[in-house]
Protein backbone atom coordinates (compact mmCIF):
# COMPACT_ATOMS: atom_id res chain seq x y z
CA UNK A 1 -13.83 -16.67 -12.81
CA UNK A 2 -11.78 -13.83 -14.25
CA UNK A 3 -7.99 -13.59 -14.10
CA UNK A 4 -6.76 -10.05 -14.15
CA UNK A 5 -3.56 -8.16 -13.51
CA UNK A 6 -5.38 -4.88 -13.04
CA UNK A 7 -9.01 -4.59 -11.98
CA UNK A 8 -10.63 -1.19 -11.63
CA UNK A 9 -13.87 -0.42 -9.84
CA UNK A 10 -14.65 3.27 -9.90
CA UNK A 11 -11.59 4.94 -8.38
CA UNK A 12 -10.35 1.85 -6.57
CA UNK A 13 -7.43 0.22 -8.38
CA UNK A 14 -6.74 -3.28 -7.12
CA UNK A 15 -3.08 -3.89 -7.88
CA UNK A 16 -1.62 -7.36 -7.99
CA UNK A 17 1.82 -8.79 -8.66
CA UNK A 18 1.54 -11.03 -11.71
CA UNK A 19 -1.94 -12.49 -12.11
CA UNK A 20 -4.44 -11.97 -9.35
CA UNK A 21 -7.64 -13.97 -9.19
CA UNK A 22 -11.04 -12.33 -8.68
CA UNK A 23 -14.39 -14.03 -8.52
CA UNK A 24 -17.71 -12.24 -8.96
CA UNK A 25 -20.18 -13.40 -6.34
CA UNK A 26 -22.14 -12.12 -3.35
CA UNK A 27 -20.11 -9.86 -1.12
CA UNK A 28 -19.33 -6.21 -0.79
CA UNK A 29 -20.70 -3.73 -3.30
CA UNK A 30 -18.76 -0.99 -5.04
CA UNK A 31 -21.03 1.08 -7.27
CA UNK A 32 -22.97 -1.63 -9.15
CA UNK A 33 -20.21 -4.26 -9.18
CA UNK A 34 -19.98 -6.86 -6.44
CA UNK A 35 -16.56 -8.43 -5.92
CA UNK A 36 -14.76 -10.87 -3.71
CA UNK A 37 -10.97 -10.96 -3.64
CA UNK A 38 -9.35 -14.37 -3.70
CA UNK A 39 -5.89 -14.32 -2.11
CA UNK A 40 -3.75 -11.40 -1.07
CA UNK A 41 -3.25 -8.39 -3.30
CA UNK A 42 -0.02 -6.64 -2.41
CA UNK A 43 2.32 -4.25 -4.15
CA UNK A 44 4.10 -1.09 -3.10
CA UNK A 45 3.24 2.25 -4.62
CA UNK A 46 6.85 2.96 -5.52
CA UNK A 47 7.27 -0.28 -7.49
CA UNK A 48 4.11 0.42 -9.47
CA UNK A 49 5.11 4.02 -10.20
CA UNK A 50 2.14 5.40 -8.28
CA UNK A 51 2.07 9.08 -7.40
CA UNK A 52 3.34 9.67 -3.83
CA UNK A 53 0.06 11.36 -2.92
CA UNK A 54 -1.83 8.09 -3.39
CA UNK A 55 -1.72 5.83 -0.36
CA UNK A 56 -2.34 2.14 -1.07
CA UNK A 57 -3.55 0.00 1.82
CA UNK A 58 -4.09 -3.74 1.53
CA UNK A 59 -4.01 -3.33 -2.25
CA UNK A 60 -6.53 -0.48 -2.29
CA UNK A 61 -5.99 3.15 -3.14
CA UNK A 62 -6.86 5.06 0.02
CA UNK A 63 -8.16 8.48 -0.92
CA UNK A 64 -8.85 11.20 1.59
CA UNK A 65 -11.07 14.27 1.65
CA UNK A 66 -11.35 17.34 3.87
CA UNK A 67 -14.82 17.85 5.30
CA UNK A 68 -15.85 19.79 8.40
CA UNK A 69 -13.61 21.37 11.02
CA UNK A 70 -12.52 20.38 14.51
CA UNK A 71 -9.97 21.50 17.15
CA UNK A 72 -6.81 19.46 16.73
CA UNK A 73 -3.28 20.87 17.16
CA UNK A 74 -1.95 22.50 20.32
CA UNK A 75 -1.40 26.17 19.46
CA UNK A 76 0.73 29.01 20.77
CA UNK A 77 -1.59 32.02 20.88
CA UNK A 78 0.96 34.44 22.29
CA UNK A 79 0.26 37.84 20.79
CA UNK A 80 -3.09 36.76 19.32
CA UNK A 81 -6.17 38.69 20.42
CA UNK A 82 -8.96 36.22 21.16
CA UNK A 83 -12.70 36.80 21.22
CA UNK A 84 -15.26 34.29 22.47
CA UNK A 85 -17.55 33.12 19.64
CA UNK A 86 -20.18 31.47 21.83
CA UNK A 87 -19.66 28.07 20.21
CA UNK A 88 -19.07 25.14 22.58
CA UNK A 89 -17.30 21.87 21.74
CA UNK A 90 -17.92 18.64 23.63
CA UNK A 91 -20.34 20.39 25.96
CA UNK A 92 -17.65 22.31 27.85
CA UNK A 93 -14.85 23.74 25.68
CA UNK A 94 -15.31 27.30 24.39
CA UNK A 95 -14.28 28.46 20.92
CA UNK A 96 -12.38 31.71 20.36
CA UNK A 97 -11.81 33.71 17.19
CA UNK A 98 -8.28 35.04 16.79
CA UNK A 99 -7.26 38.24 15.05
CA UNK A 100 -4.88 36.06 13.01
CA UNK A 101 -7.87 34.64 11.13
CA UNK A 102 -7.91 31.30 12.96
CA UNK A 103 -10.28 29.81 15.49
CA UNK A 104 -9.16 28.10 18.68
CA UNK A 105 -10.79 26.00 21.37
CA UNK A 106 -9.68 26.31 24.98
CA UNK A 107 -9.19 23.26 27.21
CA UNK A 108 -8.05 24.19 30.72
CA UNK A 109 -5.26 26.73 30.08
CA UNK A 110 -4.31 25.58 26.56
CA UNK A 111 -5.64 26.40 23.10
CA UNK A 112 -6.17 24.06 20.15
CA UNK A 113 -6.42 25.24 16.56
CA UNK A 114 -9.63 24.42 14.66
CA UNK A 115 -8.56 22.68 11.46
CA UNK A 116 -10.19 20.71 8.60
CA UNK A 117 -11.10 17.09 9.41
CA UNK A 118 -9.44 14.53 7.15
CA UNK A 119 -11.52 11.48 6.21
CA UNK A 120 -10.62 8.22 4.48
CA UNK A 121 -13.01 7.25 1.71
CA UNK A 122 -13.71 3.62 2.62
CA UNK A 123 -16.55 2.86 0.19
CA UNK A 124 -18.37 4.20 -2.86
CA UNK A 125 -22.09 3.44 -2.78
CA UNK A 126 -24.43 2.74 -5.68
CA UNK A 127 -26.34 6.02 -5.15
CA UNK A 128 -23.16 8.03 -5.63
CA UNK A 129 -22.56 8.62 -1.94
CA UNK A 130 -19.26 7.97 -0.18
CA UNK A 131 -18.69 6.34 3.16
CA UNK A 132 -16.08 8.23 5.16
CA UNK A 133 -14.02 7.28 8.20
CA UNK A 134 -12.08 9.89 10.14
CA UNK A 135 -8.31 9.40 9.91
CA UNK A 136 -7.56 10.23 13.58
CA UNK A 137 -9.00 10.02 17.06
CA UNK A 138 -10.66 13.43 17.22
CA UNK A 139 -12.38 13.45 20.61
CA UNK A 140 -12.80 11.48 23.80
CA UNK A 141 -16.29 10.76 25.11
CA UNK A 142 -17.52 7.90 27.36
CA UNK A 143 -19.49 5.25 25.48
CA UNK A 144 -22.03 5.30 28.30
CA UNK A 145 -22.68 8.03 30.85
CA UNK A 146 -23.99 5.38 33.26
CA UNK A 147 -20.79 5.31 35.33
CA UNK A 148 -22.26 3.24 38.15
CA UNK A 149 -24.21 0.89 35.86
CA UNK A 150 -27.42 2.04 37.55
CA UNK A 151 -29.71 1.36 34.61
CA UNK A 152 -30.27 -2.36 35.03
CA UNK A 153 -33.01 -2.60 32.41
CA UNK A 154 -30.80 -1.29 29.58
CA UNK A 155 -27.18 -2.54 29.39
CA UNK A 156 -24.58 0.22 29.26
CA UNK A 157 -23.16 -1.26 26.02
CA UNK A 158 -26.49 -0.77 24.24
CA UNK A 159 -25.52 1.44 21.29
CA UNK A 160 -29.04 2.73 20.65
CA UNK A 161 -29.23 4.28 24.12
CA UNK A 162 -25.53 5.11 24.44
CA UNK A 163 -24.07 8.46 25.35
CA UNK A 164 -21.65 8.29 22.44
CA UNK A 165 -24.40 7.92 19.81
CA UNK A 166 -26.23 10.97 21.17
CA UNK A 167 -22.94 12.88 21.17
CA UNK A 168 -22.07 11.98 17.58
CA UNK A 169 -25.49 13.08 16.32
CA UNK A 170 -25.90 16.12 18.60
CA UNK A 171 -29.19 14.93 20.09
CA UNK A 172 -30.76 14.09 23.39
CA UNK A 173 -30.23 10.52 24.50
CA UNK A 174 -32.53 8.11 22.66
CA UNK A 175 -34.01 7.07 26.02
CA UNK A 176 -35.42 10.56 26.58
CA UNK A 177 -36.64 10.69 22.97
CA UNK A 178 -38.45 7.35 23.39
CA UNK A 179 -39.77 7.72 26.93
CA UNK A 180 -40.02 11.48 27.46
CA UNK A 181 -37.89 11.69 30.59
CA UNK A 182 -34.08 11.44 30.74
CA UNK A 183 -32.31 9.16 33.15
CA UNK A 184 -30.30 11.07 35.76
CA UNK A 185 -27.00 10.37 33.94
CA UNK A 186 -28.20 11.15 30.38
CA UNK A 187 -26.50 14.07 28.61
CA UNK A 188 -28.33 16.36 26.18
CA UNK A 189 -25.85 16.93 23.34
CA UNK A 190 -28.15 19.17 21.31
CA UNK A 191 -26.04 21.99 19.91
CA UNK A 192 -22.77 20.87 21.51
CA UNK A 193 -22.25 17.37 20.11
CA UNK A 194 -20.03 16.42 17.19
CA UNK A 195 -22.49 16.83 14.29
CA UNK A 196 -23.57 20.41 14.90
CA UNK A 197 -20.15 21.72 15.95
CA UNK A 198 -18.04 20.06 13.24
CA UNK A 199 -20.11 21.02 10.17
CA UNK A 200 -21.64 24.11 8.58
CA UNK A 201 -25.29 24.18 7.52
CA UNK A 202 -24.19 23.57 3.91
CA UNK A 203 -22.10 20.57 4.93
CA UNK A 204 -24.91 19.17 7.06
CA UNK A 205 -27.12 18.99 3.98
CA UNK A 206 -24.61 16.61 2.36
CA UNK A 207 -24.61 14.11 5.24
CA UNK A 208 -27.06 11.25 4.74
CA UNK A 209 -29.15 9.64 7.43
CA UNK A 210 -28.38 5.94 7.07
CA UNK A 211 -29.64 2.70 8.56
CA UNK A 212 -26.97 1.45 10.95
CA UNK A 213 -26.86 -2.34 11.26
CA UNK A 214 -26.45 -3.29 14.93
CA UNK A 215 -27.23 -6.98 14.51
CA UNK A 216 -25.18 -9.80 16.02
CA UNK A 217 -23.76 -10.50 12.55
CA UNK A 218 -21.80 -7.24 12.77
CA UNK A 219 -20.14 -8.22 16.06
CA UNK A 220 -17.46 -10.77 16.93
CA UNK A 221 -20.09 -13.37 17.86
CA UNK A 222 -23.13 -14.20 15.72
CA UNK A 223 -24.93 -15.27 18.93
CA UNK A 224 -24.15 -12.01 20.77
CA UNK A 225 -27.23 -11.32 22.90
CA UNK A 226 -26.21 -7.81 23.98
CA UNK A 227 -26.96 -6.29 20.57
CA UNK A 228 -29.54 -3.55 20.16
CA UNK A 229 -32.02 -2.56 17.48
CA UNK A 230 -30.80 -0.99 14.25
CA UNK A 231 -30.60 2.79 14.34
CA UNK A 232 -30.89 5.62 11.82
CA UNK A 233 -28.01 8.06 12.18
CA UNK A 234 -25.98 10.69 10.38
CA UNK A 235 -22.78 9.96 12.30
CA UNK A 236 -21.90 6.56 13.73
CA UNK A 237 -19.10 4.31 14.95
CA UNK A 238 -17.81 1.37 12.96
CA UNK A 239 -18.87 -2.12 13.99
CA UNK A 240 -16.47 -4.94 14.82
CA UNK A 241 -16.93 -6.39 11.33
CA UNK A 242 -16.45 -2.98 9.70
CA UNK A 243 -13.15 -2.55 11.52
CA UNK A 244 -11.76 -5.78 10.06
CA UNK A 245 -12.91 -5.29 6.48
CA UNK A 246 -10.29 -5.46 3.74
CA UNK A 247 -12.55 -3.65 1.31
CA UNK A 248 -12.56 -0.71 3.74
CA UNK A 249 -8.76 -0.71 3.81
CA UNK A 250 -8.81 -2.09 7.37
CA UNK A 251 -7.68 -5.65 6.72
CA UNK A 252 -4.35 -5.40 8.54
CA UNK A 253 -3.53 -4.32 12.07
CA UNK A 254 -1.39 -1.45 10.80
CA UNK A 255 -4.32 -0.11 8.76
CA UNK A 256 -6.34 0.37 11.95
CA UNK A 257 -3.79 2.51 13.76
CA UNK A 258 -5.33 5.88 14.57
CA UNK A 259 -3.37 8.56 16.39
CA UNK A 260 -5.06 10.87 18.87
CA UNK A 261 -4.96 14.58 18.15
CA UNK A 262 -3.61 16.98 20.75
CA UNK A 263 -7.17 18.09 21.47
CA UNK A 264 -8.39 14.51 21.97
CA UNK A 265 -5.49 13.83 24.34
CA UNK A 266 -6.28 16.98 26.31
CA UNK A 267 -9.78 15.58 26.81
CA UNK A 268 -8.53 12.19 28.07
CA UNK A 269 -7.81 10.08 24.98
CA UNK A 270 -4.93 7.64 25.28
CA UNK A 271 -2.01 7.86 22.85
CA UNK A 272 0.99 5.52 22.89
CA UNK A 273 4.33 7.24 23.43
CA UNK A 274 6.05 4.72 21.12
CA UNK A 275 6.86 5.81 17.59
CA UNK A 276 4.44 4.52 14.96
CA UNK A 277 1.67 3.49 17.34
CA UNK A 278 -1.66 5.11 18.05
CA UNK A 279 -4.43 5.25 20.58
CA UNK A 280 -7.63 3.37 21.43
CA UNK A 281 -10.91 3.99 19.63
CA UNK A 282 -14.45 2.84 20.24
CA UNK A 283 -16.51 0.51 18.07
CA UNK A 284 -20.27 0.37 18.41
CA UNK A 285 -20.37 -3.42 18.83
CA UNK A 286 -21.00 -4.80 22.33
CA UNK A 287 -18.59 -7.22 23.91
CA UNK A 288 -20.28 -10.62 23.71
CA UNK A 289 -20.02 -11.68 27.35
CA UNK A 290 -20.50 -8.62 29.54
CA UNK A 291 -23.29 -6.07 29.46
CA UNK A 292 -20.99 -3.28 30.67
CA UNK A 293 -18.33 -3.52 27.95
CA UNK A 294 -18.03 -2.65 24.29
CA UNK A 295 -15.41 -3.45 21.67
CA UNK A 296 -12.66 -1.07 20.70
CA UNK A 297 -9.56 -0.93 18.55
CA UNK A 298 -6.32 -1.08 20.49
CA UNK A 299 -3.46 0.47 18.52
CA UNK A 300 -0.65 0.45 21.05
CA UNK A 301 2.81 -0.98 21.27
CA UNK A 302 1.66 -3.63 23.77
CA UNK A 303 -0.91 -5.03 21.35
CA UNK A 304 1.53 -5.07 18.46
CA UNK A 305 4.26 -6.66 20.54
CA UNK A 306 1.91 -9.46 21.51
CA UNK A 307 0.79 -9.75 17.86
CA UNK A 308 -2.83 -9.57 18.88
CA UNK A 309 -5.72 -8.64 16.62
CA UNK A 310 -6.20 -5.34 18.36
CA UNK A 311 -9.62 -4.57 16.98
CA UNK A 312 -11.27 -6.88 19.50
CA UNK A 313 -12.18 -6.15 23.10
CA UNK A 314 -11.58 -9.75 24.13
CA UNK A 315 -9.02 -9.94 26.89
CA UNK A 316 -8.27 -6.21 26.63
CA UNK A 317 -11.65 -4.60 27.13
CA UNK A 318 -12.44 -1.50 29.11
CA UNK A 319 -15.73 -0.52 30.67
CA UNK A 320 -18.03 1.54 28.49
CA UNK A 321 -17.66 4.53 30.81
CA UNK A 322 -13.87 4.62 30.35
CA UNK A 323 -12.34 7.90 29.20
CA UNK A 324 -9.29 6.23 27.61
CA UNK A 325 -10.76 5.20 24.23
CA UNK A 326 -11.37 8.02 21.78
CA UNK A 327 -13.83 8.64 18.99
CA UNK A 328 -13.22 7.94 15.29
CA UNK A 329 -16.50 8.95 13.62
CA UNK A 330 -17.87 7.62 10.35
CA UNK A 331 -20.53 9.09 8.08
CA UNK A 332 -21.95 8.94 4.56
CA UNK A 333 -21.97 11.98 2.29
CA UNK A 334 -23.78 12.64 -0.97
CA UNK A 335 -22.47 15.50 -3.10
């Protein structure tokens, strides 16, 4: 057992008030040091004299990076000459190049400015890669395209064969890849999904293909029988356990609040109208009792008022074909 006031692991500074106890044992890995925090580690940045640009969450320095681009803010294009680029977002929304040097994406009769995506660095891996989590709800896509739950052999909350996984990785649905023929509701996201529209060819080379753990241990119930096989992906959703992890800076309800961008809202994402609250975002973990539902993070005033743990779908779940929850992607980059 070590007793430390300051404990630094790479660029994570764990700040405690007085002495804070840390024990080295099996747990989460940062670089080549494995740590477990004993007790709460809390201190405000201002009291510690931290630079205002550093955002501490649950005792951890939350750093952010810009990587990739995506339509976000509602824009006034009056007086701007627009030219279609041929690029399509989310399978339906056309991109335009403006003579002001910016790019815009049209949804119905409105335009949304393409801007850099901001990511939270939630983990540093031993190979030098960084695990990133988007800092907003950037899009709104149904978890499953099986609106009528017609595919009885494969539950609609099966992440491997989900619409949202194909969308994130800009591929055909895994069902078509495995069996050669798509189901009638499967969407081919090749060329129009998140991965290929958000990143340049140079940026794509930095994104690692990782093994995504979809086991019951990553869900709210270790006996969850709706789980699917592990997958290998470049872009993925967090699991239930990921979304509650203190070492990812997600230990408190407030840490999980994600606000929907204007573009995401224009495509159906919910956003609370109350100050300080956010929207709803999908997790990849299946709900443990129903084959048609998946977990999500609920960041609204209702959830906070009831003091619920609003990362769980229990009691507040929506069907996996709902358009209300948005997408907060995660990925791993190696520079």
